[in-house]
Amino acid sequence: MFRNTALAALVLAGGLVQAAPALAAPPPGQTLYADNCAACHQATGKGVKGAYPALAGTPLVQGDAKPLLAMVLNGKNEMPGFKDDLTDADLAGLLTYVRASWGNKGKAIAPAEVATARRRK
């Protein structure tokens, strides 16, 4: 097919370079979690005993989204609220990531659910 092996190598390398970004993309919400939550709740979602609660395996994270949304939007105790810092789409992606990570089995959250919770205050 290719008579020039150098040309063949360039073509193949170009194809690999183009495919690499798609393979390296983190799941939606993972970067927002790392930037806004992991310092306290840890990258593993296990939290810090006695200081920051675990998100892995907890009913609050996996259950009805309304209490979780209220907490994340408005904050609670030492946790800040994110209603002024993250968009509905950002919060939906972040919380969907949390609800599907570390063995959690929570349903995805849509931006419209975040918007509704934001109006509830």
PDB file of N, CA and C in Angstrom:
ATOM      1  N   MET A   1       0.826  -1.186   0.000  1.00  0.00           N
ATOM      2  CA  MET A   1       0.000   0.000   0.000  1.00  0.00           C
ATOM      3  C   MET A   1       0.872   1.252   0.000  1.00  0.00           C
ATOM      4  N   PHE A   2       1.774   1.403   0.987  1.00  0.00           N
ATOM      5  CA  PHE A   2       2.698   2.529   1.027  1.00  0.00           C
ATOM      6  C   PHE A   2       4.070   2.054   0.595  1.00  0.00           C
ATOM      7  N   ARG A   3       4.648   2.739  -0.363  1.00  0.00           N
ATOM      8  CA  ARG A   3       5.992   2.381  -0.802  1.00  0.00           C
ATOM      9  C   ARG A   3       7.040   3.069   0.053  1.00  0.00           C
ATOM     10  N   ASN A   4       6.671   4.144   0.639  1.00  0.00           N
ATOM     11  CA  ASN A   4       7.613   4.886   1.459  1.00  0.00           C
ATOM     12  C   ASN A   4       7.263   4.610   2.920  1.00  0.00           C
ATOM     13  N   THR A   5       8.109   3.868   3.607  1.00  0.00           N
ATOM     14  CA  THR A   5       7.792   3.511   5.000  1.00  0.00           C
ATOM     15  C   THR A   5       7.761   4.735   5.897  1.00  0.00           C
ATOM     16  N   ALA A   6       8.528   5.757   5.593  1.00  0.00           N
ATOM     17  CA  ALA A   6       8.485   6.987   6.392  1.00  0.00           C
ATOM     18  C   ALA A   6       7.115   7.639   6.274  1.00  0.00           C
ATOM     19  N   LEU A   7       6.562   7.671   5.052  1.00  0.00           N
ATOM     20  CA  LEU A   7       5.227   8.222   4.849  1.00  0.00           C
ATOM     21  C   LEU A   7       4.190   7.386   5.591  1.00  0.00           C
ATOM     22  N   ALA A   8       4.325   6.095   5.516  1.00  0.00           N
ATOM     23  CA  ALA A   8       3.395   5.208   6.221  1.00  0.00           C
ATOM     24  C   ALA A   8       3.442   5.468   7.723  1.00  0.00           C
ATOM     25  N   ALA A   9       4.623   5.636   8.272  1.00  0.00           N
ATOM     26  CA  ALA A   9       4.770   5.903   9.700  1.00  0.00           C
ATOM     27  C   ALA A   9       4.115   7.223  10.082  1.00  0.00           C
ATOM     28  N   LEU A  10       4.270   8.244   9.246  1.00  0.00           N
ATOM     29  CA  LEU A  10       3.639   9.533   9.522  1.00  0.00           C
ATOM     30  C   LEU A  10       2.122   9.434   9.485  1.00  0.00           C
ATOM     31  N   VAL A  11       1.605   8.715   8.506  1.00  0.00           N
ATOM     32  CA  VAL A  11       0.154   8.554   8.406  1.00  0.00           C
ATOM     33  C   VAL A  11      -0.383   7.815   9.621  1.00  0.00           C
ATOM     34  N   LEU A  12       0.274   6.737  10.001  1.00  0.00           N
ATOM     35  CA  LEU A  12      -0.168   5.971  11.168  1.00  0.00           C
ATOM     36  C   LEU A  12      -0.039   6.791  12.443  1.00  0.00           C
ATOM     37  N   ALA A  13       1.054   7.492  12.600  1.00  0.00           N
ATOM     38  CA  ALA A  13       1.249   8.326  13.786  1.00  0.00           C
ATOM     39  C   ALA A  13       0.200   9.412  13.861  1.00  0.00           C
ATOM     40  N   GLY A  14      -0.133  10.002  12.737  1.00  0.00           N
ATOM     41  CA  GLY A  14      -1.175  11.032  12.704  1.00  0.00           C
ATOM     42  C   GLY A  14      -2.514  10.485  13.158  1.00  0.00           C
ATOM     43  N   GLY A  15      -2.837   9.272  12.740  1.00  0.00           N
ATOM     44  CA  GLY A  15      -4.090   8.653  13.156  1.00  0.00           C
ATOM     45  C   GLY A  15      -4.112   8.375  14.653  1.00  0.00           C
ATOM     46  N   LEU A  16      -2.981   7.962  15.193  1.00  0.00           N
ATOM     47  CA  LEU A  16      -2.916   7.690  16.626  1.00  0.00           C
ATOM     48  C   LEU A  16      -3.005   8.960  17.441  1.00  0.00           C
ATOM     49  N   VAL A  17      -2.364  10.012  16.995  1.00  0.00           N
ATOM     50  CA  VAL A  17      -2.406  11.291  17.709  1.00  0.00           C
ATOM     51  C   VAL A  17      -3.818  11.845  17.712  1.00  0.00           C
ATOM     52  N   GLN A  18      -4.521  11.702  16.609  1.00  0.00           N
ATOM     53  CA  GLN A  18      -5.888  12.204  16.547  1.00  0.00           C
ATOM     54  C   GLN A  18      -6.814  11.406  17.456  1.00  0.00           C
ATOM     55  N   ALA A  19      -6.589  10.120  17.619  1.00  0.00           N
ATOM     56  CA  ALA A  19      -7.456   9.293  18.450  1.00  0.00           C
ATOM     57  C   ALA A  19      -7.159   9.474  19.934  1.00  0.00           C
ATOM     58  N   ALA A  20      -5.965   9.859  20.288  1.00  0.00           N
ATOM     59  CA  ALA A  20      -5.567   9.939  21.693  1.00  0.00           C
ATOM     60  C   ALA A  20      -6.427  10.871  22.528  1.00  0.00           C
ATOM     61  N   PRO A  21      -6.776  12.093  22.086  1.00  0.00           N
ATOM     62  CA  PRO A  21      -7.598  12.953  22.937  1.00  0.00           C
ATOM     63  C   PRO A  21      -8.941  12.336  23.304  1.00  0.00           C
ATOM     64  N   ALA A  22      -9.564  11.617  22.387  1.00  0.00           N
ATOM     65  CA  ALA A  22     -10.846  10.987  22.686  1.00  0.00           C
ATOM     66  C   ALA A  22     -10.672   9.916  23.755  1.00  0.00           C
ATOM     67  N   LEU A  23      -9.579   9.195  23.729  1.00  0.00           N
ATOM     68  CA  LEU A  23      -9.341   8.156  24.724  1.00  0.00           C
ATOM     69  C   LEU A  23      -8.988   8.742  26.085  1.00  0.00           C
ATOM     70  N   ALA A  24      -8.366   9.911  26.098  1.00  0.00           N
ATOM     71  CA  ALA A  24      -7.893  10.500  27.336  1.00  0.00           C
ATOM     72  C   ALA A  24      -8.934  11.376  28.028  1.00  0.00           C
ATOM     73  N   ALA A  25     -10.052  11.644  27.405  1.00  0.00           N
ATOM     74  CA  ALA A  25     -11.059  12.532  27.982  1.00  0.00           C
ATOM     75  C   ALA A  25     -11.663  11.904  29.237  1.00  0.00           C
ATOM     76  N   PRO A  26     -11.675  12.654  30.360  1.00  0.00           N
ATOM     77  CA  PRO A  26     -12.283  12.118  31.573  1.00  0.00           C
ATOM     78  C   PRO A  26     -13.806  12.091  31.448  1.00  0.00           C
ATOM     79  N   PRO A  27     -14.473  11.284  32.256  1.00  0.00           N
ATOM     80  CA  PRO A  27     -15.935  11.279  32.241  1.00  0.00           C
ATOM     81  C   PRO A  27     -16.467  12.673  32.567  1.00  0.00           C
ATOM     82  N   PRO A  28     -17.610  13.060  32.001  1.00  0.00           N
ATOM     83  CA  PRO A  28     -18.181  14.367  32.336  1.00  0.00           C
ATOM     84  C   PRO A  28     -18.356  14.494  33.850  1.00  0.00           C
ATOM     85  N   GLY A  29     -18.004  15.618  34.378  1.00  0.00           N
ATOM     86  CA  GLY A  29     -18.140  15.866  35.806  1.00  0.00           C
ATOM     87  C   GLY A  29     -16.916  15.515  36.627  1.00  0.00           C
ATOM     88  N   GLN A  30     -16.053  14.656  36.109  1.00  0.00           N
ATOM     89  CA  GLN A  30     -14.881  14.229  36.883  1.00  0.00           C
ATOM     90  C   GLN A  30     -13.936  15.400  37.163  1.00  0.00           C
ATOM     91  N   THR A  31     -13.703  16.234  36.179  1.00  0.00           N
ATOM     92  CA  THR A  31     -12.810  17.370  36.366  1.00  0.00           C
ATOM     93  C   THR A  31     -13.409  18.361  37.359  1.00  0.00           C
ATOM     94  N   LEU A  32     -14.703  18.602  37.261  1.00  0.00           N
ATOM     95  CA  LEU A  32     -15.355  19.501  38.220  1.00  0.00           C
ATOM     96  C   LEU A  32     -15.286  18.933  39.632  1.00  0.00           C
ATOM     97  N   TYR A  33     -15.447  17.622  39.755  1.00  0.00           N
ATOM     98  CA  TYR A  33     -15.314  16.984  41.067  1.00  0.00           C
ATOM     99  C   TYR A  33     -13.900  17.184  41.599  1.00  0.00           C
ATOM    100  N   ALA A  34     -12.908  16.932  40.765  1.00  0.00           N
ATOM    101  CA  ALA A  34     -11.514  17.087  41.186  1.00  0.00           C
ATOM    102  C   ALA A  34     -11.227  18.525  41.616  1.00  0.00           C
ATOM    103  N   ASP A  35     -11.784  19.493  40.909  1.00  0.00           N
ATOM    104  CA  ASP A  35     -11.529  20.901  41.198  1.00  0.00           C
ATOM    105  C   ASP A  35     -12.299  21.433  42.397  1.00  0.00           C
ATOM    106  N   ASN A  36     -13.475  20.881  42.678  1.00  0.00           N
ATOM    107  CA  ASN A  36     -14.353  21.469  43.696  1.00  0.00           C
ATOM    108  C   ASN A  36     -14.631  20.598  44.918  1.00  0.00           C
ATOM    109  N   CYS A  37     -14.402  19.294  44.819  1.00  0.00           N
ATOM    110  CA  CYS A  37     -14.856  18.391  45.874  1.00  0.00           C
ATOM    111  C   CYS A  37     -13.772  17.476  46.441  1.00  0.00           C
ATOM    112  N   ALA A  38     -12.828  17.080  45.599  1.00  0.00           N
ATOM    113  CA  ALA A  38     -11.873  16.037  45.977  1.00  0.00           C
ATOM    114  C   ALA A  38     -10.963  16.427  47.135  1.00  0.00           C
ATOM    115  N   ALA A  39     -10.699  17.707  47.318  1.00  0.00           N
ATOM    116  CA  ALA A  39      -9.824  18.110  48.418  1.00  0.00           C
ATOM    117  C   ALA A  39     -10.397  17.656  49.768  1.00  0.00           C
ATOM    118  N   CYS A  40     -11.687  17.671  49.892  1.00  0.00           N
ATOM    119  CA  CYS A  40     -12.326  17.251  51.144  1.00  0.00           C
ATOM    120  C   CYS A  40     -12.832  15.806  51.078  1.00  0.00           C
ATOM    121  N   HIS A  41     -13.563  15.489  50.025  1.00  0.00           N
ATOM    122  CA  HIS A  41     -14.181  14.163  49.913  1.00  0.00           C
ATOM    123  C   HIS A  41     -13.252  13.116  49.311  1.00  0.00           C
ATOM    124  N   GLN A  42     -12.058  13.537  48.884  1.00  0.00           N
ATOM    125  CA  GLN A  42     -11.009  12.682  48.350  1.00  0.00           C
ATOM    126  C   GLN A  42     -11.341  12.174  46.946  1.00  0.00           C
ATOM    127  N   ALA A  43     -10.328  11.878  46.188  1.00  0.00           N
ATOM    128  CA  ALA A  43     -10.501  11.375  44.819  1.00  0.00           C
ATOM    129  C   ALA A  43     -11.231  10.040  44.812  1.00  0.00           C
ATOM    130  N   THR A  44     -11.145   9.316  45.907  1.00  0.00           N
ATOM    131  CA  THR A  44     -11.793   8.012  46.031  1.00  0.00           C
ATOM    132  C   THR A  44     -13.248   8.108  46.482  1.00  0.00           C
ATOM    133  N   GLY A  45     -13.694   9.302  46.880  1.00  0.00           N
ATOM    134  CA  GLY A  45     -15.043   9.474  47.400  1.00  0.00           C
ATOM    135  C   GLY A  45     -15.214   8.958  48.811  1.00  0.00           C
ATOM    136  N   LYS A  46     -14.130   8.570  49.469  1.00  0.00           N
ATOM    137  CA  LYS A  46     -14.223   7.992  50.817  1.00  0.00           C
ATOM    138  C   LYS A  46     -14.207   9.043  51.923  1.00  0.00           C
ATOM    139  N   GLY A  47     -13.955  10.304  51.577  1.00  0.00           N
ATOM    140  CA  GLY A  47     -13.954  11.362  52.580  1.00  0.00           C
ATOM    141  C   GLY A  47     -12.804  11.223  53.553  1.00  0.00           C
ATOM    142  N   VAL A  48     -12.890  11.979  54.641  1.00  0.00           N
ATOM    143  CA  VAL A  48     -11.900  11.930  55.716  1.00  0.00           C
ATOM    144  C   VAL A  48     -12.680  11.706  57.001  1.00  0.00           C
ATOM    145  N   LYS A  49     -12.473  10.564  57.615  1.00  0.00           N
ATOM    146  CA  LYS A  49     -13.241  10.183  58.801  1.00  0.00           C
ATOM    147  C   LYS A  49     -13.177  11.284  59.865  1.00  0.00           C
ATOM    148  N   GLY A  50     -14.341  11.658  60.349  1.00  0.00           N
ATOM    149  CA  GLY A  50     -14.446  12.668  61.385  1.00  0.00           C
ATOM    150  C   GLY A  50     -14.404  14.101  60.881  1.00  0.00           C
ATOM    151  N   ALA A  51     -14.121  14.287  59.597  1.00  0.00           N
ATOM    152  CA  ALA A  51     -14.030  15.641  59.062  1.00  0.00           C
ATOM    153  C   ALA A  51     -14.949  15.849  57.858  1.00  0.00           C
ATOM    154  N   TYR A  52     -14.809  15.013  56.839  1.00  0.00           N
ATOM    155  CA  TYR A  52     -15.572  15.164  55.604  1.00  0.00           C
ATOM    156  C   TYR A  52     -16.218  13.838  55.258  1.00  0.00           C
ATOM    157  N   PRO A  53     -17.535  13.824  55.083  1.00  0.00           N
ATOM    158  CA  PRO A  53     -18.233  12.549  54.870  1.00  0.00           C
ATOM    159  C   PRO A  53     -17.884  11.882  53.545  1.00  0.00           C
ATOM    160  N   ALA A  54     -18.000  10.576  53.564  1.00  0.00           N
ATOM    161  CA  ALA A  54     -17.804   9.777  52.347  1.00  0.00           C
ATOM    162  C   ALA A  54     -18.964  10.028  51.394  1.00  0.00           C
ATOM    163  N   LEU A  55     -18.670   9.963  50.126  1.00  0.00           N
ATOM    164  CA  LEU A  55     -19.698  10.022  49.090  1.00  0.00           C
ATOM    165  C   LEU A  55     -19.921   8.638  48.485  1.00  0.00           C
ATOM    166  N   ALA A  56     -18.945   7.781  48.627  1.00  0.00           N
ATOM    167  CA  ALA A  56     -19.028   6.418  48.112  1.00  0.00           C
ATOM    168  C   ALA A  56     -19.955   5.594  48.992  1.00  0.00           C
ATOM    169  N   GLY A  57     -20.967   5.016  48.375  1.00  0.00           N
ATOM    170  CA  GLY A  57     -21.853   4.102  49.080  1.00  0.00           C
ATOM    171  C   GLY A  57     -22.849   4.736  50.032  1.00  0.00           C
ATOM    172  N   THR A  58     -23.047   6.043  49.973  1.00  0.00           N
ATOM    173  CA  THR A  58     -23.963   6.681  50.919  1.00  0.00           C
ATOM    174  C   THR A  58     -25.360   6.835  50.333  1.00  0.00           C
ATOM    175  N   PRO A  59     -26.381   6.643  51.144  1.00  0.00           N
ATOM    176  CA  PRO A  59     -27.755   6.792  50.673  1.00  0.00           C
ATOM    177  C   PRO A  59     -28.057   8.200  50.149  1.00  0.00           C
ATOM    178  N   LEU A  60     -27.496   9.234  50.771  1.00  0.00           N
ATOM    179  CA  LEU A  60     -27.749  10.597  50.310  1.00  0.00           C
ATOM    180  C   LEU A  60     -27.337  10.764  48.852  1.00  0.00           C
ATOM    181  N   VAL A  61     -26.211  10.216  48.486  1.00  0.00           N
ATOM    182  CA  VAL A  61     -25.695  10.351  47.127  1.00  0.00           C
ATOM    183  C   VAL A  61     -26.485   9.503  46.143  1.00  0.00           C
ATOM    184  N   GLN A  62     -26.920   8.329  46.556  1.00  0.00           N
ATOM    185  CA  GLN A  62     -27.553   7.382  45.642  1.00  0.00           C
ATOM    186  C   GLN A  62     -29.075   7.485  45.593  1.00  0.00           C
ATOM    187  N   GLY A  63     -29.667   8.117  46.584  1.00  0.00           N
ATOM    188  CA  GLY A  63     -31.125   8.148  46.684  1.00  0.00           C
ATOM    189  C   GLY A  63     -31.772   9.294  45.932  1.00  0.00           C
ATOM    190  N   ASP A  64     -32.870   9.784  46.476  1.00  0.00           N
ATOM    191  CA  ASP A  64     -33.609  10.909  45.902  1.00  0.00           C
ATOM    192  C   ASP A  64     -32.656  12.080  45.707  1.00  0.00           C
ATOM    193  N   ALA A  65     -32.681  12.677  44.552  1.00  0.00           N
ATOM    194  CA  ALA A  65     -31.736  13.753  44.224  1.00  0.00           C
ATOM    195  C   ALA A  65     -32.053  15.067  44.938  1.00  0.00           C
ATOM    196  N   LYS A  66     -33.289  15.283  45.375  1.00  0.00           N
ATOM    197  CA  LYS A  66     -33.672  16.580  45.942  1.00  0.00           C
ATOM    198  C   LYS A  66     -32.837  16.982  47.160  1.00  0.00           C
ATOM    199  N   PRO A  67     -32.669  16.122  48.163  1.00  0.00           N
ATOM    200  CA  PRO A  67     -31.842  16.531  49.306  1.00  0.00           C
ATOM    201  C   PRO A  67     -30.377  16.784  48.930  1.00  0.00           C
ATOM    202  N   LEU A  68     -29.848  15.977  48.036  1.00  0.00           N
ATOM    203  CA  LEU A  68     -28.472  16.157  47.576  1.00  0.00           C
ATOM    204  C   LEU A  68     -28.325  17.487  46.848  1.00  0.00           C
ATOM    205  N   LEU A  69     -29.260  17.797  45.966  1.00  0.00           N
ATOM    206  CA  LEU A  69     -29.212  19.056  45.237  1.00  0.00           C
ATOM    207  C   LEU A  69     -29.299  20.251  46.184  1.00  0.00           C
ATOM    208  N   ALA A  70     -30.191  20.177  47.160  1.00  0.00           N
ATOM    209  CA  ALA A  70     -30.319  21.279  48.119  1.00  0.00           C
ATOM    210  C   ALA A  70     -29.006  21.495  48.869  1.00  0.00           C
ATOM    211  N   MET A  71     -28.363  20.417  49.275  1.00  0.00           N
ATOM    212  CA  MET A  71     -27.114  20.527  50.018  1.00  0.00           C
ATOM    213  C   MET A  71     -25.999  21.113  49.162  1.00  0.00           C
ATOM    214  N   VAL A  72     -25.886  20.634  47.938  1.00  0.00           N
ATOM    215  CA  VAL A  72     -24.809  21.098  47.067  1.00  0.00           C
ATOM    216  C   VAL A  72     -25.041  22.552  46.637  1.00  0.00           C
ATOM    217  N   LEU A  73     -26.262  22.926  46.410  1.00  0.00           N
ATOM    218  CA  LEU A  73     -26.552  24.304  46.020  1.00  0.00           C
ATOM    219  C   LEU A  73     -26.364  25.280  47.181  1.00  0.00           C
ATOM    220  N   ASN A  74     -26.859  24.914  48.359  1.00  0.00           N
ATOM    221  CA  ASN A  74     -26.891  25.842  49.486  1.00  0.00           C
ATOM    222  C   ASN A  74     -25.794  25.637  50.513  1.00  0.00           C
ATOM    223  N   GLY A  75     -25.129  24.501  50.468  1.00  0.00           N
ATOM    224  CA  GLY A  75     -24.102  24.194  51.457  1.00  0.00           C
ATOM    225  C   GLY A  75     -24.706  23.656  52.739  1.00  0.00           C
ATOM    226  N   LYS A  76     -23.847  23.123  53.590  1.00  0.00           N
ATOM    227  CA  LYS A  76     -24.287  22.617  54.879  1.00  0.00           C
ATOM    228  C   LYS A  76     -23.061  22.496  55.777  1.00  0.00           C
ATOM    229  N   ASN A  77     -23.182  23.002  56.972  1.00  0.00           N
ATOM    230  CA  ASN A  77     -22.075  23.003  57.924  1.00  0.00           C
ATOM    231  C   ASN A  77     -20.832  23.609  57.264  1.00  0.00           C
ATOM    232  N   GLU A  78     -19.765  22.840  57.155  1.00  0.00           N
ATOM    233  CA  GLU A  78     -18.514  23.353  56.588  1.00  0.00           C
ATOM    234  C   GLU A  78     -18.485  23.327  55.057  1.00  0.00           C
ATOM    235  N   MET A  79     -19.438  22.631  54.451  1.00  0.00           N
ATOM    236  CA  MET A  79     -19.434  22.536  52.994  1.00  0.00           C
ATOM    237  C   MET A  79     -20.037  23.802  52.385  1.00  0.00           C
ATOM    238  N   PRO A  80     -19.318  24.420  51.449  1.00  0.00           N
ATOM    239  CA  PRO A  80     -19.878  25.613  50.804  1.00  0.00           C
ATOM    240  C   PRO A  80     -20.978  25.249  49.823  1.00  0.00           C
ATOM    241  N   GLY A  81     -21.846  26.195  49.560  1.00  0.00           N
ATOM    242  CA  GLY A  81     -22.844  26.030  48.510  1.00  0.00           C
ATOM    243  C   GLY A  81     -22.240  26.424  47.172  1.00  0.00           C
ATOM    244  N   PHE A  82     -22.724  25.805  46.120  1.00  0.00           N
ATOM    245  CA  PHE A  82     -22.170  26.054  44.789  1.00  0.00           C
ATOM    246  C   PHE A  82     -23.159  26.737  43.853  1.00  0.00           C
ATOM    247  N   LYS A  83     -24.278  27.258  44.397  1.00  0.00           N
ATOM    248  CA  LYS A  83     -25.301  27.842  43.524  1.00  0.00           C
ATOM    249  C   LYS A  83     -24.799  29.047  42.742  1.00  0.00           C
ATOM    250  N   ASP A  84     -23.844  29.786  43.280  1.00  0.00           N
ATOM    251  CA  ASP A  84     -23.329  30.963  42.581  1.00  0.00           C
ATOM    252  C   ASP A  84     -22.063  30.671  41.787  1.00  0.00           C
ATOM    253  N   ASP A  85     -21.534  29.465  41.917  1.00  0.00           N
ATOM    254  CA  ASP A  85     -20.253  29.142  41.297  1.00  0.00           C
ATOM    255  C   ASP A  85     -20.337  28.214  40.091  1.00  0.00           C
ATOM    256  N   LEU A  86     -21.352  27.358  40.042  1.00  0.00           N
ATOM    257  CA  LEU A  86     -21.453  26.370  38.962  1.00  0.00           C
ATOM    258  C   LEU A  86     -22.811  26.473  38.278  1.00  0.00           C
ATOM    259  N   THR A  87     -22.812  26.261  36.981  1.00  0.00           N
ATOM    260  CA  THR A  87     -24.056  26.307  36.215  1.00  0.00           C
ATOM    261  C   THR A  87     -24.888  25.049  36.473  1.00  0.00           C
ATOM    262  N   ASP A  88     -26.123  25.081  36.006  1.00  0.00           N
ATOM    263  CA  ASP A  88     -26.983  23.901  36.127  1.00  0.00           C
ATOM    264  C   ASP A  88     -26.361  22.707  35.419  1.00  0.00           C
ATOM    265  N   ALA A  89     -25.822  22.933  34.233  1.00  0.00           N
ATOM    266  CA  ALA A  89     -25.200  21.839  33.476  1.00  0.00           C
ATOM    267  C   ALA A  89     -23.959  21.313  34.190  1.00  0.00           C
ATOM    268  N   ASP A  90     -23.155  22.221  34.750  1.00  0.00           N
ATOM    269  CA  ASP A  90     -21.959  21.795  35.484  1.00  0.00           C
ATOM    270  C   ASP A  90     -22.330  20.962  36.702  1.00  0.00           C
ATOM    271  N   LEU A  91     -23.294  21.432  37.487  1.00  0.00           N
ATOM    272  CA  LEU A  91     -23.710  20.682  38.676  1.00  0.00           C
ATOM    273  C   LEU A  91     -24.324  19.341  38.305  1.00  0.00           C
ATOM    274  N   ALA A  92     -25.113  19.320  37.247  1.00  0.00           N
ATOM    275  CA  ALA A  92     -25.703  18.049  36.800  1.00  0.00           C
ATOM    276  C   ALA A  92     -24.608  17.062  36.426  1.00  0.00           C
ATOM    277  N   GLY A  93     -23.615  17.507  35.698  1.00  0.00           N
ATOM    278  CA  GLY A  93     -22.509  16.627  35.314  1.00  0.00           C
ATOM    279  C   GLY A  93     -21.706  16.157  36.508  1.00  0.00           C
ATOM    280  N   LEU A  94     -21.395  17.062  37.400  1.00  0.00           N
ATOM    281  CA  LEU A  94     -20.624  16.719  38.599  1.00  0.00           C
ATOM    282  C   LEU A  94     -21.376  15.703  39.459  1.00  0.00           C
ATOM    283  N   LEU A  95     -22.646  15.974  39.723  1.00  0.00           N
ATOM    284  CA  LEU A  95     -23.415  15.069  40.590  1.00  0.00           C
ATOM    285  C   LEU A  95     -23.707  13.740  39.902  1.00  0.00           C
ATOM    286  N   THR A  96     -23.893  13.744  38.609  1.00  0.00           N
ATOM    287  CA  THR A  96     -24.057  12.482  37.891  1.00  0.00           C
ATOM    288  C   THR A  96     -22.790  11.658  38.003  1.00  0.00           C
ATOM    289  N   TYR A  97     -21.648  12.306  37.893  1.00  0.00           N
ATOM    290  CA  TYR A  97     -20.360  11.601  38.069  1.00  0.00           C
ATOM    291  C   TYR A  97     -20.281  10.985  39.466  1.00  0.00           C
ATOM    292  N   VAL A  98     -20.606  11.755  40.489  1.00  0.00           N
ATOM    293  CA  VAL A  98     -20.544  11.254  41.871  1.00  0.00           C
ATOM    294  C   VAL A  98     -21.520  10.102  42.072  1.00  0.00           C
ATOM    295  N   ARG A  99     -22.724  10.218  41.518  1.00  0.00           N
ATOM    296  CA  ARG A  99     -23.748   9.186  41.711  1.00  0.00           C
ATOM    297  C   ARG A  99     -23.444   7.900  40.944  1.00  0.00           C
ATOM    298  N   ALA A 100     -22.475   7.951  40.011  1.00  0.00           N
ATOM    299  CA  ALA A 100     -22.126   6.766  39.233  1.00  0.00           C
ATOM    300  C   ALA A 100     -20.716   6.254  39.531  1.00  0.00           C
ATOM    301  N   SER A 101     -20.018   6.865  40.472  1.00  0.00           N
ATOM    302  CA  SER A 101     -18.629   6.495  40.762  1.00  0.00           C
ATOM    303  C   SER A 101     -18.523   5.708  42.060  1.00  0.00           C
ATOM    304  N   TRP A 102     -17.385   5.032  42.228  1.00  0.00           N
ATOM    305  CA  TRP A 102     -17.021   4.321  43.458  1.00  0.00           C
ATOM    306  C   TRP A 102     -18.069   3.286  43.872  1.00  0.00           C
ATOM    307  N   GLY A 103     -18.744   2.695  42.906  1.00  0.00           N
ATOM    308  CA  GLY A 103     -19.755   1.690  43.190  1.00  0.00           C
ATOM    309  C   GLY A 103     -21.147   2.249  43.428  1.00  0.00           C
ATOM    310  N   ASN A 104     -21.305   3.569  43.390  1.00  0.00           N
ATOM    311  CA  ASN A 104     -22.626   4.172  43.573  1.00  0.00           C
ATOM    312  C   ASN A 104     -23.537   3.794  42.416  1.00  0.00           C
ATOM    313  N   LYS A 105     -24.817   3.710  42.707  1.00  0.00           N
ATOM    314  CA  LYS A 105     -25.812   3.301  41.717  1.00  0.00           C
ATOM    315  C   LYS A 105     -26.921   4.342  41.558  1.00  0.00           C
ATOM    316  N   GLY A 106     -26.606   5.619  41.776  1.00  0.00           N
ATOM    317  CA  GLY A 106     -27.608   6.676  41.643  1.00  0.00           C
ATOM    318  C   GLY A 106     -27.906   6.998  40.193  1.00  0.00           C
ATOM    319  N   LYS A 107     -29.102   7.525  39.959  1.00  0.00           N
ATOM    320  CA  LYS A 107     -29.514   7.910  38.606  1.00  0.00           C
ATOM    321  C   LYS A 107     -28.845   9.223  38.217  1.00  0.00           C
ATOM    322  N   ALA A 108     -28.714   9.422  36.921  1.00  0.00           N
ATOM    323  CA  ALA A 108     -28.169  10.666  36.387  1.00  0.00           C
ATOM    324  C   ALA A 108     -29.074  11.835  36.775  1.00  0.00           C
ATOM    325  N   ILE A 109     -28.476  13.007  36.884  1.00  0.00           N
ATOM    326  CA  ILE A 109     -29.211  14.230  37.187  1.00  0.00           C
ATOM    327  C   ILE A 109     -29.154  15.118  35.957  1.00  0.00           C
ATOM    328  N   ALA A 110     -30.306  15.623  35.542  1.00  0.00           N
ATOM    329  CA  ALA A 110     -30.392  16.501  34.376  1.00  0.00           C
ATOM    330  C   ALA A 110     -30.252  17.958  34.799  1.00  0.00           C
ATOM    331  N   PRO A 111     -29.743  18.808  33.924  1.00  0.00           N
ATOM    332  CA  PRO A 111     -29.651  20.235  34.245  1.00  0.00           C
ATOM    333  C   PRO A 111     -31.001  20.837  34.651  1.00  0.00           C
ATOM    334  N   ALA A 112     -32.094  20.356  34.075  1.00  0.00           N
ATOM    335  CA  ALA A 112     -33.421  20.865  34.436  1.00  0.00           C
ATOM    336  C   ALA A 112     -33.747  20.575  35.904  1.00  0.00           C
ATOM    337  N   GLU A 113     -33.289  19.430  36.431  1.00  0.00           N
ATOM    338  CA  GLU A 113     -33.505  19.121  37.853  1.00  0.00           C
ATOM    339  C   GLU A 113     -32.742  20.100  38.739  1.00  0.00           C
ATOM    340  N   VAL A 114     -31.539  20.455  38.327  1.00  0.00           N
ATOM    341  CA  VAL A 114     -30.749  21.425  39.089  1.00  0.00           C
ATOM    342  C   VAL A 114     -31.443  22.782  39.056  1.00  0.00           C
ATOM    343  N   ALA A 115     -31.953  23.187  37.897  1.00  0.00           N
ATOM    344  CA  ALA A 115     -32.650  24.461  37.774  1.00  0.00           C
ATOM    345  C   ALA A 115     -33.875  24.506  38.673  1.00  0.00           C
ATOM    346  N   THR A 116     -34.621  23.423  38.715  1.00  0.00           N
ATOM    347  CA  THR A 116     -35.795  23.349  39.586  1.00  0.00           C
ATOM    348  C   THR A 116     -35.387  23.458  41.045  1.00  0.00           C
ATOM    349  N   ALA A 117     -34.359  22.749  41.453  1.00  0.00           N
ATOM    350  CA  ALA A 117     -33.872  22.812  42.835  1.00  0.00           C
ATOM    351  C   ALA A 117     -33.362  24.206  43.163  1.00  0.00           C
ATOM    352  N   ARG A 118     -32.737  24.844  42.233  1.00  0.00           N
ATOM    353  CA  ARG A 118     -32.196  26.199  42.438  1.00  0.00           C
ATOM    354  C   ARG A 118     -33.337  27.187  42.714  1.00  0.00           C
ATOM    355  N   ARG A 119     -34.458  27.006  42.047  1.00  0.00           N
ATOM    356  CA  ARG A 119     -35.621  27.889  42.267  1.00  0.00           C
ATOM    357  C   ARG A 119     -36.290  27.638  43.610  1.00  0.00           C
ATOM    358  N   ARG A 120     -36.189  26.424  44.144  1.00  0.00           N
ATOM    359  CA  ARG A 120     -36.808  26.061  45.424  1.00  0.00           C
ATOM    360  C   ARG A 120     -36.187  26.797  46.602  1.00  0.00           C
ATOM    361  N   LYS A 121     -34.883  26.960  46.561  1.00  0.00           N
ATOM    362  CA  LYS A 121     -34.097  27.546  47.651  1.00  0.00           C
ATOM    363  C   LYS A 121     -34.387  26.803  48.884  1.00  0.00           C
TER     364      LYS A 121
END
